[in-house]
Amino acid sequence: MIGIRGATTIDRDTSEEIEKATVELMKEIMLRNDLKKEKIVSVLFSATEDVRSAYPGRFLRDAMDFSDVAILHFQEMYVTESLNLCIRVLIHYDDCFKPHHVYLHAAKKLRPDLGS
């Protein structure tokens, strides 16, 4: 079992922005790692305290048909110097390989060592 991390940011706290960013991030992670949906064990989302309009995991169920995957959502506590409007993800995957972690948009600042 491996963990694949990623993060992205949104411009505004709206349901539409959260859906767009969540789907974009998950598709990019799945593409870069050649993931098969049936091998995803669970998906854990966290979001900064200013992301309140919707839970990112909801869009996996609706837009990407992740109905058989355990999806959890956590709200991060407020940290004065944190990145605003940020959505993070940790995917537990039933396989062993060196994963490609994905950080999009302003979230690239979180892990510049991982490149694009």
C-alpha atoms as a PDB file:
ATOM      1  CA  MET A   1       0.000   0.000   0.000  1.00  0.00           C
ATOM      2  CA  ILE A   2       1.267   3.457  -0.872  1.00  0.00           C
ATOM      3  CA  GLY A   3       0.132   6.998  -0.206  1.00  0.00           C
ATOM      4  CA  ILE A   4      -0.072   9.566  -2.972  1.00  0.00           C
ATOM      5  CA  ARG A   5      -0.299  13.221  -1.954  1.00  0.00           C
ATOM      6  CA  GLY A   6      -1.517  16.269  -3.758  1.00  0.00           C
ATOM      7  CA  ALA A   7      -2.892  19.741  -3.246  1.00  0.00           C
ATOM      8  CA  THR A   8      -4.461  22.589  -5.139  1.00  0.00           C
ATOM      9  CA  THR A   9      -5.935  25.987  -4.489  1.00  0.00           C
ATOM     10  CA  ILE A  10      -9.114  27.765  -5.505  1.00  0.00           C
ATOM     11  CA  ASP A  11      -9.708  31.452  -6.256  1.00  0.00           C
ATOM     12  CA  ARG A  12     -13.047  31.715  -4.436  1.00  0.00           C
ATOM     13  CA  ASP A  13     -14.904  29.584  -1.912  1.00  0.00           C
ATOM     14  CA  THR A  14     -17.759  28.409  -4.127  1.00  0.00           C
ATOM     15  CA  SER A  15     -19.087  24.949  -4.774  1.00  0.00           C
ATOM     16  CA  GLU A  16     -18.256  25.303  -8.461  1.00  0.00           C
ATOM     17  CA  GLU A  17     -14.608  26.264  -7.769  1.00  0.00           C
ATOM     18  CA  ILE A  18     -14.199  23.384  -5.306  1.00  0.00           C
ATOM     19  CA  GLU A  19     -15.645  20.903  -7.797  1.00  0.00           C
ATOM     20  CA  LYS A  20     -13.439  22.137 -10.649  1.00  0.00           C
ATOM     21  CA  ALA A  21     -10.274  22.054  -8.524  1.00  0.00           C
ATOM     22  CA  THR A  22     -11.026  18.680  -6.935  1.00  0.00           C
ATOM     23  CA  VAL A  23     -11.766  16.946 -10.232  1.00  0.00           C
ATOM     24  CA  GLU A  24      -8.720  18.547 -11.886  1.00  0.00           C
ATOM     25  CA  LEU A  25      -6.428  17.426  -9.048  1.00  0.00           C
ATOM     26  CA  MET A  26      -7.744  13.863  -8.937  1.00  0.00           C
ATOM     27  CA  LYS A  27      -7.593  13.444 -12.712  1.00  0.00           C
ATOM     28  CA  GLU A  28      -4.014  14.728 -12.769  1.00  0.00           C
ATOM     29  CA  ILE A  29      -2.947  12.405  -9.932  1.00  0.00           C
ATOM     30  CA  MET A  30      -4.603   9.429 -11.629  1.00  0.00           C
ATOM     31  CA  LEU A  31      -3.004  10.306 -14.980  1.00  0.00           C
ATOM     32  CA  ARG A  32       0.540  10.884 -13.679  1.00  0.00           C
ATOM     33  CA  ASN A  33       0.439   7.677 -11.641  1.00  0.00           C
ATOM     34  CA  ASP A  34      -1.612   5.541 -14.057  1.00  0.00           C
ATOM     35  CA  LEU A  35      -4.030   4.702 -11.234  1.00  0.00           C
ATOM     36  CA  LYS A  36      -6.884   2.245 -11.557  1.00  0.00           C
ATOM     37  CA  LYS A  37      -9.982   3.305  -9.643  1.00  0.00           C
ATOM     38  CA  GLU A  38     -10.599  -0.238  -8.350  1.00  0.00           C
ATOM     39  CA  LYS A  39      -7.223  -0.196  -6.531  1.00  0.00           C
ATOM     40  CA  ILE A  40      -7.937   3.024  -4.627  1.00  0.00           C
ATOM     41  CA  VAL A  41      -8.611   2.027  -1.033  1.00  0.00           C
ATOM     42  CA  SER A  42      -9.457   5.420   0.429  1.00  0.00           C
ATOM     43  CA  VAL A  43      -9.209   9.140  -0.253  1.00  0.00           C
ATOM     44  CA  LEU A  44      -8.648  11.644   2.546  1.00  0.00           C
ATOM     45  CA  PHE A  45      -9.251  15.312   1.873  1.00  0.00           C
ATOM     46  CA  SER A  46      -8.390  18.248   4.078  1.00  0.00           C
ATOM     47  CA  ALA A  47      -9.102  21.882   3.399  1.00  0.00           C
ATOM     48  CA  THR A  48      -8.065  25.120   5.006  1.00  0.00           C
ATOM     49  CA  GLU A  49     -10.648  26.685   7.275  1.00  0.00           C
ATOM     50  CA  ASP A  50     -11.683  29.172   4.575  1.00  0.00           C
ATOM     51  CA  VAL A  51     -12.957  26.385   2.261  1.00  0.00           C
ATOM     52  CA  ARG A  52     -16.529  25.959   3.514  1.00  0.00           C
ATOM     53  CA  SER A  53     -18.933  25.886   0.560  1.00  0.00           C
ATOM     54  CA  ALA A  54     -18.668  22.145  -0.143  1.00  0.00           C
ATOM     55  CA  TYR A  55     -16.776  18.995   0.754  1.00  0.00           C
ATOM     56  CA  PRO A  56     -14.328  18.040  -2.014  1.00  0.00           C
ATOM     57  CA  GLY A  57     -15.080  14.322  -1.660  1.00  0.00           C
ATOM     58  CA  ARG A  58     -18.664  14.896  -2.709  1.00  0.00           C
ATOM     59  CA  PHE A  59     -17.456  15.617  -6.233  1.00  0.00           C
ATOM     60  CA  LEU A  60     -15.572  12.339  -6.474  1.00  0.00           C
ATOM     61  CA  ARG A  61     -18.833  10.521  -5.873  1.00  0.00           C
ATOM     62  CA  ASP A  62     -20.872  12.710  -8.226  1.00  0.00           C
ATOM     63  CA  ALA A  63     -18.508  13.686 -11.063  1.00  0.00           C
ATOM     64  CA  MET A  64     -16.072  10.763 -11.047  1.00  0.00           C
ATOM     65  CA  ASP A  65     -18.252   7.863  -9.795  1.00  0.00           C
ATOM     66  CA  PHE A  66     -16.135   6.946  -6.773  1.00  0.00           C
ATOM     67  CA  SER A  67     -19.108   5.258  -5.105  1.00  0.00           C
ATOM     68  CA  ASP A  68     -17.133   2.225  -3.832  1.00  0.00           C
ATOM     69  CA  VAL A  69     -14.237   4.192  -2.293  1.00  0.00           C
ATOM     70  CA  ALA A  70     -14.016   5.364   1.316  1.00  0.00           C
ATOM     71  CA  ILE A  71     -13.808   9.171   1.188  1.00  0.00           C
ATOM     72  CA  LEU A  72     -13.109  11.256   4.289  1.00  0.00           C
ATOM     73  CA  HIS A  73     -12.900  15.016   4.752  1.00  0.00           C
ATOM     74  CA  PHE A  74     -11.071  16.955   7.454  1.00  0.00           C
ATOM     75  CA  GLN A  75     -11.170  20.669   8.185  1.00  0.00           C
ATOM     76  CA  GLU A  76      -7.766  22.152   8.956  1.00  0.00           C
ATOM     77  CA  MET A  77      -7.349  24.530  11.853  1.00  0.00           C
ATOM     78  CA  TYR A  78      -6.515  28.160  11.198  1.00  0.00           C
ATOM     79  CA  VAL A  79      -2.785  28.889  10.928  1.00  0.00           C
ATOM     80  CA  THR A  80      -1.777  32.529  10.392  1.00  0.00           C
ATOM     81  CA  GLU A  81       0.868  31.850   7.732  1.00  0.00           C
ATOM     82  CA  SER A  82      -0.900  29.026   5.907  1.00  0.00           C
ATOM     83  CA  LEU A  83      -1.820  28.968   2.239  1.00  0.00           C
ATOM     84  CA  ASN A  84      -5.405  30.197   1.809  1.00  0.00           C
ATOM     85  CA  LEU A  85      -8.195  28.354  -0.028  1.00  0.00           C
ATOM     86  CA  CYS A  86      -6.177  25.139  -0.195  1.00  0.00           C
ATOM     87  CA  ILE A  87      -7.457  21.595  -0.730  1.00  0.00           C
ATOM     88  CA  ARG A  88      -5.121  18.682   0.047  1.00  0.00           C
ATOM     89  CA  VAL A  89      -5.557  14.998  -0.688  1.00  0.00           C
ATOM     90  CA  LEU A  90      -3.988  11.721   0.410  1.00  0.00           C
ATOM     91  CA  ILE A  91      -4.879   8.649  -1.626  1.00  0.00           C
ATOM     92  CA  HIS A  92      -4.259   5.167  -0.217  1.00  0.00           C
ATOM     93  CA  TYR A  93      -3.529   2.842  -3.141  1.00  0.00           C
ATOM     94  CA  ASP A  94      -3.226  -0.938  -3.170  1.00  0.00           C
ATOM     95  CA  ASP A  95       0.086  -1.317  -5.015  1.00  0.00           C
ATOM     96  CA  CYS A  96       3.795  -0.579  -4.634  1.00  0.00           C
ATOM     97  CA  PHE A  97       5.628   1.928  -6.827  1.00  0.00           C
ATOM     98  CA  LYS A  98       7.296   5.325  -6.452  1.00  0.00           C
ATOM     99  CA  PRO A  99       4.347   7.729  -6.655  1.00  0.00           C
ATOM    100  CA  HIS A 100       4.243  11.089  -8.412  1.00  0.00           C
ATOM    101  CA  HIS A 101       2.782  13.572  -5.944  1.00  0.00           C
ATOM    102  CA  VAL A 102       0.831  16.412  -7.568  1.00  0.00           C
ATOM    103  CA  TYR A 103       0.722  20.023  -6.403  1.00  0.00           C
ATOM    104  CA  LEU A 104      -1.200  22.442  -8.629  1.00  0.00           C
ATOM    105  CA  HIS A 105      -1.551  26.226  -8.815  1.00  0.00           C
ATOM    106  CA  ALA A 106      -0.455  28.146  -5.697  1.00  0.00           C
ATOM    107  CA  ALA A 107      -0.165  24.845  -3.802  1.00  0.00           C
ATOM    108  CA  LYS A 108       3.152  24.274  -5.609  1.00  0.00           C
ATOM    109  CA  LYS A 109       4.614  26.509  -2.888  1.00  0.00           C
ATOM    110  CA  LEU A 110       3.884  23.767  -0.342  1.00  0.00           C
ATOM    111  CA  ARG A 111       6.348  21.320  -1.910  1.00  0.00           C
ATOM    112  CA  PRO A 112       8.681  23.055  -4.394  1.00  0.00           C
ATOM    113  CA  ASP A 113      11.087  20.110  -3.993  1.00  0.00           C
ATOM    114  CA  LEU A 114       8.646  17.837  -5.826  1.00  0.00           C
ATOM    115  CA  GLY A 115       8.692  19.885  -9.012  1.00  0.00           C
ATOM    116  CA  SER A 116       5.711  20.022 -11.329  1.00  0.00           C
END
